[in-house]
């Protein structure tokens, strides 16, 4: 099982591959500029129609190099993220970084299958 790199909080990630980018749906592969960890990144935006600020959260699930290759070799409509279930992940939000389960991230972003 892939674990979080506890020595690096990986707040400075750069995008290295866009999986999908369209309104309301953004998924990408990002890499930590410090430790090199690869992450599957899912953006979750909750619109506030009452006039306040929208909620924006970025869920990141650690992936390996072979998984990265599998992702970039698969067309989005055929990309089943079931293999990411059951691992530690994290959510980046205004309050910082919180460790979560990847199942929660996938479910929240509509990608549990």
Protein backbone atom coordinates (compact mmCIF):
# COMPACT_ATOMS: atom_id res chain seq x y z
CA UNK A 1 0.00 0.00 0.00
CA UNK A 2 1.24 3.49 -0.81
CA UNK A 3 1.73 5.70 2.23
CA UNK A 4 1.93 9.46 2.64
CA UNK A 5 5.42 10.86 2.88
CA UNK A 6 5.21 12.13 6.47
CA UNK A 7 8.50 14.06 6.22
CA UNK A 8 7.18 16.34 3.49
CA UNK A 9 3.83 18.05 3.66
CA UNK A 10 3.95 18.48 -0.12
CA UNK A 11 2.23 21.85 -0.26
CA UNK A 12 4.17 22.95 -3.33
CA UNK A 13 3.01 20.54 -6.02
CA UNK A 14 3.22 21.19 -9.75
CA UNK A 15 0.89 19.81 -12.37
CA UNK A 16 2.53 17.27 -14.68
CA UNK A 17 -0.49 15.78 -16.49
CA UNK A 18 -4.09 16.96 -16.93
CA UNK A 19 -6.52 14.05 -16.89
CA UNK A 20 -9.63 16.19 -17.49
CA UNK A 21 -10.32 19.89 -17.28
CA UNK A 22 -13.82 21.19 -17.80
CA UNK A 23 -16.22 23.26 -15.72
CA UNK A 24 -16.97 21.42 -12.49
CA UNK A 25 -14.55 18.60 -13.23
CA UNK A 26 -10.79 18.88 -12.90
CA UNK A 27 -8.48 15.93 -12.34
CA UNK A 28 -4.71 15.91 -12.76
CA UNK A 29 -1.47 14.30 -11.75
CA UNK A 30 0.66 16.57 -9.59
CA UNK A 31 4.12 16.06 -8.16
CA UNK A 32 5.67 17.44 -4.99
CA UNK A 33 8.50 19.79 -5.81
CA UNK A 34 10.31 18.76 -2.61
CA UNK A 35 10.00 14.97 -2.29
CA UNK A 36 8.85 13.91 -5.77
CA UNK A 37 5.67 12.12 -4.55
CA UNK A 38 3.07 11.74 -7.31
CA UNK A 39 -0.55 12.49 -6.45
CA UNK A 40 -3.85 11.97 -8.25
CA UNK A 41 -5.56 15.32 -7.69
CA UNK A 42 -9.33 15.85 -7.75
CA UNK A 43 -10.84 19.31 -7.31
CA UNK A 44 -14.16 19.64 -5.53
CA UNK A 45 -16.05 22.91 -5.74
CA UNK A 46 -19.27 23.53 -3.88
CA UNK A 47 -21.12 26.58 -5.16
CA UNK A 48 -22.65 28.94 -2.61
CA UNK A 49 -25.75 30.28 -4.29
CA UNK A 50 -26.60 32.40 -1.24
CA UNK A 51 -23.89 34.88 -2.22
CA UNK A 52 -20.96 33.79 -0.06
CA UNK A 53 -17.67 32.30 -1.11
CA UNK A 54 -17.63 28.94 -2.87
CA UNK A 55 -15.91 26.02 -1.13
CA UNK A 56 -12.88 24.69 -3.01
CA UNK A 57 -11.07 21.58 -1.84
CA UNK A 58 -8.31 19.60 -3.51
CA UNK A 59 -8.18 15.91 -2.77
CA UNK A 60 -4.86 14.18 -3.39
CA UNK A 61 -4.28 10.44 -3.45
CA UNK A 62 -0.69 9.16 -3.64
CA UNK A 63 0.17 7.10 -6.70
CA UNK A 64 3.19 5.14 -7.90
CA UNK A 65 5.06 5.58 -11.17
CA UNK A 66 3.42 2.46 -12.73
CA UNK A 67 -0.01 3.83 -11.70
CA UNK A 68 0.90 7.19 -13.26
CA UNK A 69 1.74 5.40 -16.50
CA UNK A 70 -1.55 3.46 -16.35
CA UNK A 71 -3.48 6.71 -15.88
CA UNK A 72 -1.85 8.58 -18.77
CA UNK A 73 -2.28 5.56 -21.06
CA UNK A 74 -6.05 5.35 -20.39
CA UNK A 75 -8.67 7.61 -21.95
CA UNK A 76 -10.68 9.46 -19.30
CA UNK A 77 -14.01 7.77 -20.09
CA UNK A 78 -12.36 4.37 -19.44
CA UNK A 79 -10.37 5.42 -16.38
CA UNK A 80 -11.65 3.42 -13.41
CA UNK A 81 -10.13 4.76 -10.19
CA UNK A 82 -11.14 1.74 -8.11
CA UNK A 83 -7.45 0.90 -7.69
CA UNK A 84 -7.03 4.09 -5.60
CA UNK A 85 -9.51 2.91 -2.94
CA UNK A 86 -8.37 1.95 0.55
CA UNK A 87 -5.31 4.15 0.91
CA UNK A 88 -4.44 7.20 2.93
CA UNK A 89 -5.01 10.46 1.09
CA UNK A 90 -5.34 14.11 2.00
CA UNK A 91 -7.45 17.15 1.42
CA UNK A 92 -5.99 20.62 0.92
CA UNK A 93 -8.30 23.45 1.92
CA UNK A 94 -8.15 26.92 3.44
CA UNK A 95 -7.38 25.45 6.86
CA UNK A 96 -4.37 23.45 5.66
CA UNK A 97 -3.81 19.75 4.99
CA UNK A 98 -5.85 16.98 6.59
CA UNK A 99 -5.23 13.25 6.17
CA UNK A 100 -8.30 11.31 5.02
CA UNK A 101 -9.19 7.99 3.41
CA UNK A 102 -9.09 7.87 -0.38
CA UNK A 103 -12.59 6.37 -0.43
CA UNK A 104 -13.94 9.65 1.00
CA UNK A 105 -12.09 11.69 -1.64
CA UNK A 106 -13.34 9.52 -4.49
CA UNK A 107 -16.90 9.56 -3.17
CA UNK A 108 -16.97 13.31 -2.55
CA UNK A 109 -15.75 13.95 -6.10
CA UNK A 110 -18.18 11.48 -7.67
CA UNK A 111 -15.47 9.00 -8.70
CA UNK A 112 -16.23 5.99 -6.49
CA UNK A 113 -17.28 3.09 -8.64
